[in-house]
Amino acid sequence: MATMIAMAILYLSVSFSSVQRQSAAIRSFIRQNVVMFQMKTVQMEPNPEGAASPNKQQQKPDAVLDYLQHNLSADGKAGSFVFVGNDGYVDKKYTQILILFGQYSTLAGLHYDGDMALFVPEAHREDAGGSVTISGREIEAVTNAGVHFDLFHPLYYMESGDPLLSDTLILCTRDFQTVNKMFPWWGLSGEVFGRMVLVDPSDAEIEQLQKLFYEQTGILYTGISTEDFTQITTSASIRAHRLYILFYLLSGALLVILLICNIIRIIETHVAEYTVHHLYGAPIRTIRRRVGGFVLVLHILPIIGIVFVMFRNEMALWYVLPLCMAFVAGLCRFAAVYAGKRIGTMNSLQNLRRDY
C-alpha cells in the first residue's frame, strides 16, 4: 500500500510539474489578451453570389500576402509559427527550423532588434553570438534560446526538454515576404493561418481576420480569447485533477498515521522480548539499532518504487527521493526511540540495569 501510494503521488507530481510549466505560458497569454481562432462547425446556407463565382478564393491572391506582411510586422498584432524541415537550408546538425512570425517571438520570450534574428537551442549554444547562413542568407545568431525554452499555443504545447526542440534552429522574423521567399516550396502563407493568434486586438481586427479566413478557406473561424478557451476546455479536467490530488494527499496522510500505528503495534508485541534480551545483557542501543534496521527493511520497497518511477521519467523530480529517504529515516528513528523507552517499563523492570 505504501509503494502504491508513493508511486501514485510521484506520478501525479511529474504530471503536475509539466502542467505547472504550461500554466505559466497560459497565464502569460491571458495577461496579454491573446486571441486564437478555431473552426466553427455550424450549418450555413450557401451564398448564391459565392456559388456564381467559383474562383472567389483566388480572387485576390495578394490580399493574403499583404495582410501577413503588415500584421506580422513589428507594428502588427498578429503572430504565428511554422516548422520547416532542414532540406539543405542550414547546417545538417539542425534537423528543422522553427520560424516565429510577428508577435510570437515575444510570446515565446525571445526578444531581438531588427527584422530578423536567429536563436540557437541550448544543445548548440556554441553557435550563439556569431552568424548562421540559412537558405543562402547570413543572419545573426543573437543568443541561445535557453534551457527552459518551450513553445505554447492554446491548441499545441511543446515543453522544454522535448527532443524535437534540442536540434531545432529558431528563426524570428517580422518580415514575412522575405522569409516566404527563403522557403518557396513550403507554402508558408497557408501554414501560418493555421496557428494565427492576435495580441490584444480590437473587434474590428478580429472580424477582419475572420473574414480573410472565410474568403481563403471557405470555412468559418471564430476568434476566442485564451482565457475563455482555457475555461471551456480545461474546467472538467482541472476539477478531476484536483480531486485526484486531494484523494492522494488524504491517502498519504492516512498512510503515515497507519505506518506509525503499525510500528507501535509491532514494538508493543515484542516489548517483553526486548526487555528479556536487555536483562540478559543486550545494551539498549543494540536493540534500538536492530528495531530501526527492521523498520528500514520493512519500508524499503516504497523507496525502490520511487527510484523506478523516477528512472522511467528520466529522473524528473529527483529531489523527491531525498525527502522520501528522510521520511523513512524518521520512521526508523521513531521506532528506535520508542522501543528504547518501552524496554523495562513492563512489570517495573526499568531500574534493573543502569548501563544506558
Protein backbone atom coordinates (compact mmCIF):
# COMPACT_ATOMS: atom_id res chain seq x y z
CA MET A 1 0.00 0.00 0.00
CA ALA A 2 2.82 2.40 0.84
CA THR A 3 4.50 1.66 -2.50
CA MET A 4 1.29 2.16 -4.46
CA ILE A 5 0.51 5.49 -2.84
CA ALA A 6 4.11 6.73 -3.07
CA MET A 7 4.31 5.86 -6.76
CA ALA A 8 0.89 7.40 -7.46
CA ILE A 9 1.85 10.65 -5.72
CA LEU A 10 5.13 10.71 -7.65
CA TYR A 11 3.36 10.14 -10.98
CA LEU A 12 0.97 12.97 -10.14
CA SER A 13 3.92 15.18 -9.20
CA VAL A 14 5.61 14.53 -12.55
CA SER A 15 2.36 15.36 -14.32
CA PHE A 16 1.84 18.44 -12.15
CA SER A 17 5.32 19.77 -12.92
CA SER A 18 4.54 19.64 -16.64
CA VAL A 19 1.14 21.24 -16.08
CA GLN A 20 2.76 23.95 -13.97
CA ARG A 21 5.15 24.90 -16.79
CA GLN A 22 2.28 25.01 -19.25
CA SER A 23 0.22 27.04 -16.78
CA ALA A 24 2.86 29.78 -16.79
CA ALA A 25 2.54 30.08 -20.57
CA ILE A 26 -1.25 30.11 -20.33
CA ARG A 27 -1.19 32.91 -17.75
CA SER A 28 1.18 34.87 -20.00
CA PHE A 29 -1.21 34.52 -22.96
CA ILE A 30 -4.18 35.53 -20.79
CA ARG A 31 -2.30 38.54 -19.42
CA GLN A 32 -1.53 39.75 -22.95
CA ASN A 33 -5.10 39.07 -24.13
CA VAL A 34 -4.10 36.67 -26.90
CA VAL A 35 -6.95 35.69 -29.23
CA MET A 36 -6.78 32.41 -31.15
CA PHE A 37 -9.04 31.16 -33.96
CA GLN A 38 -10.83 27.85 -34.13
CA MET A 39 -13.09 26.36 -36.75
CA LYS A 40 -16.78 26.75 -36.02
CA THR A 41 -18.85 23.74 -37.00
CA VAL A 42 -22.24 25.23 -37.94
CA GLN A 43 -24.69 24.66 -40.73
CA MET A 44 -24.55 27.56 -43.19
CA GLU A 45 -26.68 28.28 -46.21
CA PRO A 46 -24.71 28.53 -49.47
CA ASN A 47 -24.04 32.01 -50.75
CA PRO A 48 -25.57 32.43 -54.22
CA GLU A 49 -23.06 35.11 -55.16
CA GLY A 50 -20.21 32.89 -53.98
CA ALA A 51 -21.58 29.93 -55.94
CA ALA A 52 -21.73 32.05 -59.08
CA SER A 53 -18.05 32.86 -58.80
CA PRO A 54 -16.16 29.57 -58.13
CA ASN A 55 -12.82 31.32 -58.27
CA LYS A 56 -13.65 33.56 -55.34
CA GLN A 57 -10.83 32.13 -53.21
CA GLN A 58 -8.34 33.13 -55.85
CA GLN A 59 -9.98 36.48 -56.41
CA LYS A 60 -7.33 38.47 -54.51
CA PRO A 61 -4.21 36.35 -54.05
CA ASP A 62 -2.18 39.36 -52.98
CA ALA A 63 -4.61 40.24 -50.18
CA VAL A 64 -3.30 37.42 -48.01
CA LEU A 65 0.35 38.32 -48.52
CA ASP A 66 -0.39 41.98 -47.86
CA TYR A 67 -2.23 41.12 -44.66
CA LEU A 68 0.56 38.82 -43.44
CA GLN A 69 3.29 41.32 -44.33
CA HIS A 70 1.53 44.14 -42.47
CA ASN A 71 0.18 42.29 -39.41
CA LEU A 72 3.20 40.05 -38.82
CA SER A 73 5.47 43.09 -38.69
CA ALA A 74 6.73 44.99 -35.64
CA ASP A 75 3.67 47.26 -35.78
CA GLY A 76 1.18 44.44 -36.27
CA LYS A 77 -0.66 42.44 -33.63
CA ALA A 78 -0.54 39.01 -35.28
CA GLY A 79 1.78 36.12 -34.54
CA SER A 80 2.25 32.59 -35.77
CA PHE A 81 4.83 29.82 -36.09
CA VAL A 82 5.79 27.18 -38.62
CA PHE A 83 8.16 24.18 -38.54
CA VAL A 84 10.27 23.78 -41.69
CA GLY A 85 12.33 20.66 -42.33
CA ASN A 86 16.03 21.21 -42.97
CA ASP A 87 16.26 20.33 -46.65
CA GLY A 88 19.75 21.75 -47.03
CA TYR A 89 18.80 25.22 -45.80
CA VAL A 90 21.29 25.21 -42.93
CA ASP A 91 23.93 23.03 -41.25
CA LYS A 92 22.94 19.38 -41.04
CA LYS A 93 23.22 19.32 -37.23
CA TYR A 94 19.85 21.11 -37.18
CA THR A 95 17.02 18.76 -38.12
CA GLN A 96 14.44 21.51 -38.59
CA ILE A 97 13.81 25.24 -38.38
CA LEU A 98 11.17 26.83 -36.19
CA ILE A 99 10.01 30.15 -37.64
CA LEU A 100 8.31 32.55 -35.24
CA PHE A 101 6.43 35.28 -37.10
CA GLY A 102 5.46 38.69 -35.79
CA GLN A 103 4.45 38.82 -32.13
CA TYR A 104 5.05 35.12 -31.49
CA SER A 105 8.71 35.62 -30.65
CA THR A 106 7.67 37.96 -27.82
CA LEU A 107 5.03 35.47 -26.66
CA ALA A 108 7.73 32.79 -26.61
CA GLY A 109 10.04 35.01 -24.53
CA LEU A 110 12.57 35.74 -27.30
CA HIS A 111 13.43 39.42 -27.76
CA TYR A 112 15.55 40.92 -30.54
CA ASP A 113 16.14 44.09 -32.55
CA GLY A 114 15.68 44.42 -36.28
CA ASP A 115 13.51 42.45 -38.68
CA MET A 116 15.15 39.05 -38.30
CA ALA A 117 17.26 37.10 -35.80
CA LEU A 118 18.30 33.55 -35.01
CA PHE A 119 18.24 31.78 -31.66
CA VAL A 120 20.11 28.53 -31.28
CA PRO A 121 18.98 25.70 -28.97
CA GLU A 122 20.81 25.03 -25.72
CA ALA A 123 22.40 21.90 -27.22
CA HIS A 124 24.22 24.08 -29.81
CA ARG A 125 24.95 27.16 -27.75
CA GLU A 126 28.43 27.34 -29.29
CA ASP A 127 26.82 28.98 -32.36
CA ALA A 128 25.43 31.86 -30.28
CA GLY A 129 26.95 35.28 -30.80
CA GLY A 130 28.02 34.64 -34.38
CA SER A 131 26.11 34.35 -37.61
CA VAL A 132 24.50 31.39 -39.34
CA THR A 133 23.90 31.01 -43.04
CA ILE A 134 20.36 29.86 -43.69
CA SER A 135 18.94 29.43 -47.18
CA GLY A 136 21.87 31.43 -48.55
CA ARG A 137 21.23 34.36 -46.21
CA GLU A 138 23.60 35.20 -43.36
CA ILE A 139 21.66 36.01 -40.19
CA GLU A 140 22.96 36.99 -36.78
CA ALA A 141 22.56 34.37 -34.06
CA VAL A 142 21.65 36.58 -31.12
CA THR A 143 21.97 34.04 -28.31
CA ASN A 144 20.79 30.61 -27.27
CA ALA A 145 17.11 30.15 -26.52
CA GLY A 146 17.82 28.85 -23.03
CA VAL A 147 17.31 25.52 -21.34
CA HIS A 148 13.73 26.43 -20.33
CA PHE A 149 12.55 27.44 -23.81
CA ASP A 150 9.17 25.92 -24.67
CA LEU A 151 6.59 26.50 -27.37
CA PHE A 152 2.99 27.12 -26.40
CA HIS A 153 -0.18 27.57 -28.39
CA PRO A 154 -3.67 27.11 -26.93
CA LEU A 155 -4.03 24.07 -29.21
CA TYR A 156 -0.42 22.89 -29.02
CA TYR A 157 2.32 22.68 -26.41
CA MET A 158 5.93 21.52 -26.69
CA GLU A 159 7.62 21.67 -23.30
CA SER A 160 11.27 22.43 -22.66
CA GLY A 161 13.48 19.39 -22.92
CA ASP A 162 11.45 17.92 -25.78
CA PRO A 163 13.84 16.12 -28.17
CA LEU A 164 12.22 17.94 -31.11
CA LEU A 165 13.48 21.26 -29.76
CA SER A 166 17.04 20.18 -28.97
CA ASP A 167 18.13 20.24 -32.65
CA THR A 168 15.79 22.96 -33.87
CA LEU A 169 17.10 26.31 -35.10
CA ILE A 170 14.77 29.17 -34.17
CA LEU A 171 14.25 31.93 -36.73
CA CYS A 172 12.38 35.03 -35.51
CA THR A 173 11.15 37.45 -38.15
CA ARG A 174 8.94 40.47 -38.66
CA ASP A 175 9.31 40.36 -42.45
CA PHE A 176 7.00 37.66 -43.83
CA GLN A 177 7.69 38.17 -47.53
CA THR A 178 11.46 37.83 -47.16
CA VAL A 179 11.16 34.57 -45.23
CA ASN A 180 8.50 33.30 -47.62
CA LYS A 181 10.97 33.72 -50.50
CA MET A 182 13.67 31.89 -48.50
CA PHE A 183 11.45 28.78 -48.31
CA PRO A 184 9.46 28.86 -51.58
CA TRP A 185 8.41 25.21 -51.51
CA TRP A 186 6.75 25.19 -48.11
CA GLY A 187 3.69 27.38 -48.75
CA LEU A 188 4.18 29.31 -45.54
CA SER A 189 1.13 31.53 -46.04
CA GLY A 190 -1.20 28.54 -45.70
CA GLU A 191 0.51 27.09 -42.61
CA VAL A 192 0.75 30.46 -40.89
CA PHE A 193 -3.03 30.80 -40.87
CA GLY A 194 -3.49 27.51 -39.02
CA ARG A 195 -1.70 28.84 -35.90
CA MET A 196 -2.51 32.53 -36.16
CA VAL A 197 -3.08 34.49 -32.95
CA LEU A 198 -3.74 38.17 -32.31
CA VAL A 199 -2.29 40.02 -29.31
CA ASP A 200 -4.76 42.38 -27.63
CA PRO A 201 -6.76 43.03 -30.83
CA SER A 202 -9.81 45.19 -31.37
CA ASP A 203 -13.13 43.76 -32.51
CA ALA A 204 -12.53 45.15 -35.99
CA GLU A 205 -9.18 43.37 -36.26
CA ILE A 206 -10.74 40.07 -35.19
CA GLU A 207 -13.55 40.46 -37.74
CA GLN A 208 -11.04 41.32 -40.45
CA LEU A 209 -9.10 38.12 -39.89
CA GLN A 210 -12.28 36.03 -39.64
CA LYS A 211 -13.38 37.43 -42.99
CA LEU A 212 -9.99 36.68 -44.52
CA PHE A 213 -10.15 33.12 -43.18
CA TYR A 214 -13.54 32.58 -44.78
CA GLU A 215 -12.54 34.11 -48.12
CA GLN A 216 -9.44 31.93 -48.38
CA THR A 217 -10.67 28.61 -46.98
CA GLY A 218 -14.44 28.77 -47.22
CA ILE A 219 -14.58 27.79 -43.52
CA LEU A 220 -15.84 29.97 -40.71
CA TYR A 221 -13.25 30.54 -37.99
CA THR A 222 -14.16 32.45 -34.84
CA GLY A 223 -11.82 34.30 -32.53
CA ILE A 224 -11.77 33.29 -28.88
CA SER A 225 -9.56 34.61 -26.10
CA THR A 226 -7.12 32.27 -24.38
CA GLU A 227 -8.92 32.79 -21.07
CA ASP A 228 -12.31 31.75 -22.47
CA PHE A 229 -10.82 28.84 -24.40
CA THR A 230 -8.99 27.59 -21.30
CA GLN A 231 -12.09 27.76 -19.14
CA ILE A 232 -14.17 25.89 -21.72
CA THR A 233 -11.68 23.13 -22.46
CA THR A 234 -9.98 22.53 -19.11
CA SER A 235 -12.60 23.14 -16.41
CA ALA A 236 -13.59 19.47 -16.20
CA SER A 237 -10.00 18.18 -16.25
CA ILE A 238 -8.96 20.72 -13.61
CA ARG A 239 -11.71 19.51 -11.28
CA ALA A 240 -10.70 15.89 -11.86
CA HIS A 241 -7.04 16.69 -11.28
CA ARG A 242 -7.83 18.49 -8.04
CA LEU A 243 -9.90 15.52 -6.83
CA TYR A 244 -7.01 13.16 -7.62
CA ILE A 245 -4.56 15.36 -5.73
CA LEU A 246 -6.93 15.67 -2.74
CA PHE A 247 -7.55 11.92 -2.69
CA TYR A 248 -3.87 11.01 -2.73
CA LEU A 249 -2.96 13.68 -0.18
CA LEU A 250 -5.59 12.32 2.21
CA SER A 251 -4.46 8.78 1.44
CA GLY A 252 -0.85 9.79 2.11
CA ALA A 253 -1.76 11.40 5.44
CA LEU A 254 -3.76 8.33 6.47
CA LEU A 255 -0.88 6.12 5.36
CA VAL A 256 1.59 7.98 7.58
CA ILE A 257 -0.73 7.52 10.58
CA LEU A 258 -1.15 3.82 9.80
CA LEU A 259 2.61 3.32 9.37
CA ILE A 260 3.25 4.87 12.79
CA CYS A 261 0.46 2.81 14.36
CA ASN A 262 1.86 -0.34 12.78
CA ILE A 263 5.34 0.40 14.12
CA ILE A 264 3.91 0.94 17.61
CA ARG A 265 1.90 -2.29 17.36
CA ILE A 266 4.98 -4.29 16.34
CA ILE A 267 7.07 -2.85 19.17
CA GLU A 268 4.31 -3.40 21.74
CA THR A 269 4.02 -7.03 20.60
CA HIS A 270 7.76 -7.64 21.17
CA VAL A 271 8.49 -5.28 24.06
CA ALA A 272 8.61 -8.19 26.54
CA GLU A 273 11.13 -9.97 24.33
CA TYR A 274 13.24 -6.80 24.07
CA THR A 275 13.15 -6.48 27.87
CA VAL A 276 14.34 -10.06 28.36
CA HIS A 277 17.19 -9.51 25.92
CA HIS A 278 18.13 -6.40 27.80
CA LEU A 279 18.08 -8.24 31.15
CA TYR A 280 20.39 -10.91 29.74
CA GLY A 281 22.99 -8.36 28.68
CA ALA A 282 21.91 -6.78 25.37
CA PRO A 283 22.53 -2.99 25.52
CA ILE A 284 19.53 -0.84 24.67
CA ARG A 285 21.45 0.88 21.87
CA THR A 286 21.91 -2.50 20.14
CA ILE A 287 18.22 -3.31 20.45
CA ARG A 288 17.33 0.13 19.12
CA ARG A 289 19.58 -0.39 16.10
CA ARG A 290 18.00 -3.75 15.34
CA VAL A 291 14.49 -2.30 15.61
CA GLY A 292 15.46 0.64 13.38
CA GLY A 293 17.03 -1.74 10.84
CA PHE A 294 13.90 -3.87 10.79
CA VAL A 295 11.72 -0.81 10.11
CA LEU A 296 14.12 0.25 7.34
CA VAL A 297 13.85 -3.14 5.61
CA LEU A 298 10.09 -3.09 6.11
CA HIS A 299 9.75 0.24 4.28
CA ILE A 300 12.49 -0.08 1.64
CA LEU A 301 10.02 -1.20 -1.06
CA PRO A 302 8.46 2.27 -1.50
CA ILE A 303 11.96 3.71 -1.98
CA ILE A 304 12.64 1.13 -4.69
CA GLY A 305 9.32 2.01 -6.33
CA ILE A 306 10.11 5.73 -6.29
CA VAL A 307 13.55 5.12 -7.82
CA PHE A 308 11.90 3.05 -10.55
CA VAL A 309 9.31 5.76 -11.32
CA MET A 310 11.98 8.48 -11.49
CA PHE A 311 14.17 6.30 -13.70
CA ARG A 312 11.28 5.79 -16.11
CA ASN A 313 10.68 9.57 -16.12
CA GLU A 314 14.36 10.43 -16.71
CA MET A 315 14.89 11.35 -13.02
CA ALA A 316 12.22 14.03 -13.08
CA LEU A 317 11.61 15.43 -9.58
CA TRP A 318 14.78 13.75 -8.33
CA TYR A 319 14.61 15.89 -5.18
CA VAL A 320 11.63 13.79 -4.02
CA LEU A 321 13.95 10.84 -3.37
CA PRO A 322 15.96 12.50 -0.55
CA LEU A 323 12.70 13.63 1.05
CA CYS A 324 11.32 10.09 0.99
CA MET A 325 14.57 8.68 2.37
CA ALA A 326 14.50 11.29 5.12
CA PHE A 327 10.91 10.25 5.92
CA VAL A 328 11.85 6.57 6.16
CA ALA A 329 14.88 7.50 8.28
CA GLY A 330 12.49 9.44 10.54
CA LEU A 331 10.30 6.33 10.90
CA CYS A 332 13.38 4.28 11.81
CA ARG A 333 14.43 6.88 14.34
CA PHE A 334 10.94 6.98 15.84
CA ALA A 335 10.86 3.15 16.12
CA ALA A 336 14.29 3.03 17.79
CA VAL A 337 13.46 5.76 20.29
CA TYR A 338 10.04 4.30 21.09
CA ALA A 339 11.47 0.82 21.58
CA GLY A 340 14.21 2.21 23.86
CA LYS A 341 11.64 3.99 26.01
CA ARG A 342 9.37 0.92 26.26
CA ILE A 343 12.11 -1.53 27.29
CA GLY A 344 11.91 -2.23 31.01
CA THR A 345 8.60 -0.48 31.58
CA MET A 346 6.71 -3.77 31.92
CA ASN A 347 6.47 -5.24 35.45
CA SER A 348 8.51 -2.33 36.88
CA LEU A 349 11.79 -3.54 35.37
CA GLN A 350 13.01 -0.13 34.30
CA ASN A 351 15.58 0.16 37.15
CA LEU A 352 17.21 -3.27 36.92
CA ARG A 353 20.01 -2.08 34.59
CA ARG A 354 21.98 1.16 34.66
CA ASP A 355 24.18 0.89 31.56
CA TYR A 356 22.10 3.14 29.33
